[in-house]
């Protein structure tokens, strides 16, 4: 059962009477909502921001239309309302910012199911994504609810999952599925190779519980995605079979919501309770997205153990 029950779905009139104009429109049965009537900034009233945060915890991913006013500085200022923001550990940020920029012309397509940066033991808790340049068609993003996926497992599979741990690493190859794909252009192929070289310039690994307890809601969620390389203690074929089994449970259509981007859109997701997938169906059209990443804590398993940093540190210079 969903542990968050205190988000109000107010009519615009009721919101106006309460001093705000916040109206929340659910998009799908298990995940996703559009938030109307708010102009995002780093100077939101605490009560208004509290409603946004409550909506996020309930709906996992929330969307805002018409935020064309939000520039780089405003985007980062808004992200800081959720906590400390951080740059990507291997991909350099655009000058003077902490963004991860996903530029399709440079290989930034992210078209595989993942939870962001789970190769770090303390992976991000919240991400705020802003559309900068959109293709004429295509380029949607899909999110999946990993809490609902866990709750939908039969009891024996829940019990099994709660005992398992997986090694996550940043050396996942986004381009693997396209090496034999004649539809992928030379521009896309070269861009992916270049992006992967930067993304894996330093190998980062962690050991994460397959089921973790959400730090704010107390809900249990599956913690997987394409950075999960193998399940600890199992043979490779056994690991692959179980990873596929749980993956298929996460991405069942009933657990998902798909967003069609428009100029000025902003999406915020709870990275502790979701996976997402950027649909790569726009060929060589240009797509640029900028993401603010809010620092999180190490994951905690059902039995109270925490994620482990497996990264091999480079020796200090003499």
Protein backbone atom coordinates (compact mmCIF):
# COMPACT_ATOMS: atom_id res chain seq x y z
CA UNK A 1 0.00 0.00 0.00
CA UNK A 2 1.20 3.49 -0.77
CA UNK A 3 2.56 5.03 2.43
CA UNK A 4 2.00 8.62 1.28
CA UNK A 5 -1.58 9.73 1.83
CA UNK A 6 -1.39 13.41 2.71
CA UNK A 7 -1.12 15.05 -0.72
CA UNK A 8 -4.23 17.11 -1.48
CA UNK A 9 -5.60 17.10 -5.01
CA UNK A 10 -7.21 20.50 -4.83
CA UNK A 11 -9.38 22.31 -7.29
CA UNK A 12 -7.90 25.56 -8.61
CA UNK A 13 -10.49 27.55 -6.64
CA UNK A 14 -9.64 25.85 -3.37
CA UNK A 15 -5.94 26.39 -4.00
CA UNK A 16 -6.48 30.06 -4.68
CA UNK A 17 -8.33 30.39 -1.39
CA UNK A 18 -5.39 28.72 0.35
CA UNK A 19 -3.00 31.31 -1.07
CA UNK A 20 -1.51 29.19 -3.86
CA UNK A 21 -2.66 27.96 -7.26
CA UNK A 22 -1.40 24.38 -7.12
CA UNK A 23 -3.48 21.70 -8.80
CA UNK A 24 -2.28 18.10 -9.24
CA UNK A 25 -3.54 15.96 -12.12
CA UNK A 26 -2.63 12.25 -11.95
CA UNK A 27 -1.57 10.81 -15.30
CA UNK A 28 -1.59 7.05 -14.79
CA UNK A 29 -2.80 4.56 -12.22
CA UNK A 30 0.50 3.90 -10.47
CA UNK A 31 2.88 6.73 -11.36
CA UNK A 32 3.03 10.27 -12.67
CA UNK A 33 1.15 13.56 -12.28
CA UNK A 34 1.10 17.01 -13.85
CA UNK A 35 1.35 19.94 -11.44
CA UNK A 36 -0.46 23.04 -12.65
CA UNK A 37 -0.39 26.64 -11.51
CA UNK A 38 3.17 27.11 -10.28
CA UNK A 39 6.17 28.97 -11.66
CA UNK A 40 9.27 27.11 -10.53
CA UNK A 41 12.13 29.02 -8.91
CA UNK A 42 14.50 28.86 -5.98
CA UNK A 43 12.33 31.36 -4.12
CA UNK A 44 9.12 29.32 -3.73
CA UNK A 45 7.19 29.77 -0.50
CA UNK A 46 7.94 26.87 1.90
CA UNK A 47 4.29 25.80 2.01
CA UNK A 48 4.10 25.62 -1.78
CA UNK A 49 7.35 23.70 -2.05
CA UNK A 50 6.09 21.29 0.64
CA UNK A 51 3.09 20.49 -1.57
CA UNK A 52 5.39 19.87 -4.54
CA UNK A 53 7.58 17.55 -2.50
CA UNK A 54 4.57 15.65 -1.14
CA UNK A 55 3.26 15.23 -4.68
CA UNK A 56 6.65 13.89 -5.75
CA UNK A 57 6.73 11.31 -2.96
CA UNK A 58 3.23 10.14 -3.83
CA UNK A 59 3.41 10.14 -7.63
CA UNK A 60 7.15 9.31 -8.04
CA UNK A 61 7.52 11.64 -11.07
CA UNK A 62 5.80 14.99 -11.56
CA UNK A 63 5.68 17.26 -14.59
CA UNK A 64 5.40 21.01 -15.09
CA UNK A 65 4.44 22.72 -18.35
CA UNK A 66 5.20 26.30 -19.33
CA UNK A 67 8.45 26.85 -17.42
CA UNK A 68 10.20 28.79 -20.23
CA UNK A 69 11.30 31.39 -17.69
CA UNK A 70 13.59 28.86 -15.99
CA UNK A 71 17.20 29.48 -17.06
CA UNK A 72 20.28 27.59 -15.90
CA UNK A 73 20.63 29.58 -12.69
CA UNK A 74 16.95 29.29 -11.82
CA UNK A 75 16.96 25.57 -12.58
CA UNK A 76 19.85 24.98 -10.19
CA UNK A 77 18.35 27.24 -7.52
CA UNK A 78 15.10 25.29 -7.64
CA UNK A 79 16.98 21.98 -7.42
CA UNK A 80 18.72 23.15 -4.25
CA UNK A 81 15.37 23.33 -2.48
CA UNK A 82 15.51 19.51 -2.40
CA UNK A 83 19.05 19.42 -0.99
CA UNK A 84 22.66 19.68 -2.05
CA UNK A 85 23.16 19.32 -5.80
CA UNK A 86 26.08 17.48 -7.33
CA UNK A 87 27.81 17.14 -10.68
CA UNK A 88 28.11 13.82 -12.46
CA UNK A 89 31.16 11.88 -11.20
CA UNK A 90 32.66 11.37 -14.67
CA UNK A 91 30.84 13.55 -17.23
CA UNK A 92 32.04 17.19 -17.08
CA UNK A 93 29.32 19.77 -16.47
CA UNK A 94 28.80 22.71 -18.85
CA UNK A 95 30.92 25.66 -17.74
CA UNK A 96 29.81 27.27 -14.50
CA UNK A 97 27.08 24.73 -13.73
CA UNK A 98 26.51 21.41 -11.99
CA UNK A 99 24.31 19.99 -14.79
CA UNK A 100 24.48 16.69 -16.53
CA UNK A 101 23.74 17.67 -20.11
CA UNK A 102 22.27 15.02 -22.38
CA UNK A 103 23.02 16.18 -25.92
CA UNK A 104 22.00 13.73 -28.63
CA UNK A 105 24.67 15.04 -31.00
CA UNK A 106 27.32 14.02 -28.48
CA UNK A 107 25.90 10.59 -27.64
CA UNK A 108 23.68 11.59 -24.71
CA UNK A 109 20.59 9.46 -25.37
CA UNK A 110 20.17 7.25 -22.24
CA UNK A 111 17.90 4.80 -24.04
CA UNK A 112 18.02 1.94 -21.57
CA UNK A 113 16.13 1.42 -18.32
CA UNK A 114 18.05 2.79 -15.35
CA UNK A 115 17.99 4.49 -11.99
CA UNK A 116 20.50 7.34 -12.07
CA UNK A 117 24.06 6.84 -10.80
CA UNK A 118 23.45 3.66 -8.77
CA UNK A 119 27.11 2.81 -9.31
CA UNK A 120 27.72 5.24 -6.43
CA UNK A 121 26.91 3.83 -3.00
CA UNK A 122 25.14 7.10 -2.13
CA UNK A 123 23.15 7.57 -5.33
CA UNK A 124 20.98 10.66 -6.03
CA UNK A 125 17.60 11.02 -4.33
CA UNK A 126 15.92 13.47 -6.72
CA UNK A 127 16.54 14.62 -10.29
CA UNK A 128 15.14 17.70 -12.05
CA UNK A 129 15.21 17.54 -15.86
CA UNK A 130 14.57 20.52 -18.14
CA UNK A 131 13.97 20.43 -21.89
CA UNK A 132 16.42 22.73 -23.71
CA UNK A 133 16.19 21.60 -27.36
CA UNK A 134 13.55 19.16 -28.60
CA UNK A 135 13.22 17.20 -31.85
CA UNK A 136 10.21 17.88 -34.05
CA UNK A 137 8.78 14.52 -33.09
CA UNK A 138 9.77 11.64 -30.80
CA UNK A 139 12.11 11.85 -27.83
CA UNK A 140 9.59 10.95 -25.11
CA UNK A 141 10.72 9.66 -21.71
CA UNK A 142 9.13 6.77 -19.80
CA UNK A 143 9.27 6.24 -16.03
CA UNK A 144 8.52 3.07 -14.04
CA UNK A 145 7.47 2.76 -10.40
CA UNK A 146 9.88 0.44 -8.57
CA UNK A 147 7.79 0.47 -5.38
CA UNK A 148 4.76 -0.84 -7.26
CA UNK A 149 7.00 -3.41 -8.94
CA UNK A 150 8.14 -4.75 -5.56
CA UNK A 151 4.63 -4.72 -4.13
CA UNK A 152 3.37 -6.65 -7.16
CA UNK A 153 5.79 -9.53 -6.63
CA UNK A 154 4.43 -12.80 -5.24
CA UNK A 155 5.52 -13.30 -1.62
CA UNK A 156 8.21 -15.91 -2.47
CA UNK A 157 9.83 -13.51 -4.96
CA UNK A 158 9.67 -10.65 -2.45
CA UNK A 159 11.46 -12.83 0.08
CA UNK A 160 14.08 -13.86 -2.46
CA UNK A 161 14.68 -10.30 -3.65
CA UNK A 162 15.12 -9.04 -0.09
CA UNK A 163 18.09 -11.40 0.36
CA UNK A 164 19.93 -10.42 -2.83
CA UNK A 165 22.60 -7.81 -3.48
CA UNK A 166 23.87 -6.61 -6.85
CA UNK A 167 27.10 -5.05 -8.03
CA UNK A 168 26.46 -1.83 -9.97
CA UNK A 169 29.02 -0.20 -12.26
CA UNK A 170 29.25 2.74 -14.64
CA UNK A 171 30.81 0.66 -17.40
CA UNK A 172 27.43 -0.20 -18.94
CA UNK A 173 27.61 0.14 -22.73
CA UNK A 174 24.71 2.23 -24.03
CA UNK A 175 25.88 1.56 -27.59
CA UNK A 176 25.81 -2.23 -27.40
CA UNK A 177 22.28 -2.55 -28.79
CA UNK A 178 23.16 -0.38 -31.78
CA UNK A 179 26.38 -1.95 -32.99
CA UNK A 180 24.48 -4.27 -35.29
CA UNK A 181 21.69 -1.80 -36.01
CA UNK A 182 21.95 -0.51 -39.56
CA UNK A 183 19.38 2.19 -38.74
CA UNK A 184 21.83 3.94 -36.40
CA UNK A 185 23.62 6.67 -38.35
CA UNK A 186 27.36 7.23 -38.30
CA UNK A 187 26.74 10.44 -36.34
CA UNK A 188 24.85 8.55 -33.63
CA UNK A 189 27.36 5.71 -33.50
CA UNK A 190 30.34 8.05 -33.20
CA UNK A 191 28.55 10.18 -30.62
CA UNK A 192 27.78 7.16 -28.46
CA UNK A 193 31.37 5.95 -28.59
CA UNK A 194 32.65 9.37 -27.58
CA UNK A 195 30.11 9.70 -24.75
CA UNK A 196 30.91 6.26 -23.38
CA UNK A 197 34.64 7.04 -23.35
CA UNK A 198 33.95 10.02 -21.09
CA UNK A 199 31.31 8.22 -19.01
CA UNK A 200 33.71 5.36 -18.20
CA UNK A 201 36.87 7.46 -17.85
CA UNK A 202 36.97 6.24 -14.25
CA UNK A 203 35.37 2.96 -13.16
CA UNK A 204 32.98 3.37 -10.24
CA UNK A 205 31.25 0.43 -8.54
CA UNK A 206 28.98 -0.20 -5.60
CA UNK A 207 27.15 -3.07 -3.98
CA UNK A 208 23.44 -2.32 -3.57
CA UNK A 209 20.57 -4.29 -2.03
CA UNK A 210 18.09 -5.56 -4.59
CA UNK A 211 15.36 -4.23 -2.30
CA UNK A 212 15.96 -1.01 -0.39
CA UNK A 213 13.86 0.91 2.10
CA UNK A 214 12.94 4.42 0.97
CA UNK A 215 14.47 6.86 3.46
CA UNK A 216 11.42 9.17 3.59
CA UNK A 217 8.39 6.96 3.01
CA UNK A 218 9.55 3.65 4.50
CA UNK A 219 8.36 1.83 1.38
CA UNK A 220 10.30 -1.05 -0.16
CA UNK A 221 11.49 -0.63 -3.74
CA UNK A 222 13.46 -2.70 -6.23
CA UNK A 223 16.89 -1.20 -6.91
CA UNK A 224 18.16 -2.33 -10.30
CA UNK A 225 18.51 -0.84 -13.80
CA UNK A 226 21.21 -1.21 -16.42
CA UNK A 227 24.04 -0.29 -14.04
CA UNK A 228 23.31 -3.54 -12.15
CA UNK A 229 25.98 -5.87 -13.56
CA UNK A 230 25.54 -9.05 -11.57
CA UNK A 231 23.98 -10.48 -8.44
CA UNK A 232 26.49 -11.20 -5.73
CA UNK A 233 27.26 -14.85 -5.04
CA UNK A 234 25.58 -16.33 -8.11
CA UNK A 235 26.87 -17.84 -11.33
CA UNK A 236 26.64 -15.58 -14.36
CA UNK A 237 23.72 -17.46 -15.94
CA UNK A 238 21.80 -17.51 -12.65
CA UNK A 239 22.47 -13.81 -12.12
CA UNK A 240 21.35 -12.91 -15.63
CA UNK A 241 18.12 -14.89 -15.28
CA UNK A 242 17.16 -13.21 -12.01
CA UNK A 243 18.09 -9.74 -13.22
CA UNK A 244 15.85 -10.26 -16.24
CA UNK A 245 13.01 -11.62 -14.11
CA UNK A 246 12.95 -8.59 -11.82
CA UNK A 247 13.56 -6.16 -14.69
CA UNK A 248 10.45 -7.43 -16.47
CA UNK A 249 8.41 -6.88 -13.32
CA UNK A 250 9.60 -3.28 -13.04
CA UNK A 251 8.83 -2.25 -16.62
CA UNK A 252 5.38 -3.80 -16.93
CA UNK A 253 3.22 -1.22 -18.67
CA UNK A 254 0.94 -0.94 -15.64
CA UNK A 255 3.89 0.46 -13.66
CA UNK A 256 4.82 3.14 -16.21
CA UNK A 257 3.99 6.61 -17.46
CA UNK A 258 5.17 8.18 -20.74
CA UNK A 259 5.79 11.91 -21.13
CA UNK A 260 5.68 13.78 -24.43
CA UNK A 261 8.00 16.74 -24.03
CA UNK A 262 7.03 20.28 -25.02
CA UNK A 263 9.20 23.44 -24.86
CA UNK A 264 9.36 24.74 -21.29
CA UNK A 265 8.70 21.35 -19.66
CA UNK A 266 10.33 20.25 -16.42
CA UNK A 267 10.19 16.74 -14.93
CA UNK A 268 11.13 15.84 -11.36
CA UNK A 269 11.49 12.25 -10.25
CA UNK A 270 12.19 10.41 -7.04
CA UNK A 271 15.29 8.46 -8.06
CA UNK A 272 14.82 6.12 -5.08
CA UNK A 273 11.47 4.86 -6.37
CA UNK A 274 11.77 4.90 -10.16
CA UNK A 275 13.60 3.84 -13.28
CA UNK A 276 13.39 5.72 -16.57
CA UNK A 277 14.08 5.32 -20.28
CA UNK A 278 14.65 8.01 -22.92
CA UNK A 279 13.01 6.81 -26.13
CA UNK A 280 15.47 7.01 -29.03
CA UNK A 281 13.11 7.44 -31.98
CA UNK A 282 14.18 10.79 -33.45
CA UNK A 283 17.15 9.73 -35.62
CA UNK A 284 19.69 12.57 -35.96
CA UNK A 285 17.33 15.35 -34.85
CA UNK A 286 18.77 17.45 -32.06
CA UNK A 287 17.66 16.83 -28.45
CA UNK A 288 19.28 18.54 -25.45
CA UNK A 289 18.18 18.04 -21.84
CA UNK A 290 19.78 19.41 -18.68
CA UNK A 291 19.53 17.59 -15.35
CA UNK A 292 20.05 18.85 -11.83
CA UNK A 293 21.01 15.96 -9.53
CA UNK A 294 20.27 16.13 -5.80
CA UNK A 295 22.66 14.21 -3.55
CA UNK A 296 21.28 11.19 -1.73
CA UNK A 297 22.32 8.74 0.95
CA UNK A 298 23.47 5.14 0.81
CA UNK A 299 20.66 2.65 0.34
CA UNK A 300 19.47 0.58 3.29
CA UNK A 301 18.38 -3.04 2.90
CA UNK A 302 15.37 -4.60 4.59
CA UNK A 303 17.66 -6.03 7.30
CA UNK A 304 19.38 -2.69 7.93
CA UNK A 305 22.62 -3.10 6.00
CA UNK A 306 23.82 -0.24 3.79
CA UNK A 307 25.33 0.04 0.32
CA UNK A 308 29.05 -0.57 -0.08
CA UNK A 309 31.47 1.48 -2.16
CA UNK A 310 33.54 -0.95 -4.26
CA UNK A 311 35.45 1.64 -6.25
CA UNK A 312 39.19 1.00 -6.41
CA UNK A 313 40.94 4.22 -5.44
CA UNK A 314 43.85 5.42 -7.50
CA UNK A 315 47.10 5.62 -5.52
CA UNK A 316 48.06 9.08 -4.37
CA UNK A 317 50.81 10.77 -6.34
CA UNK A 318 54.25 10.48 -4.76
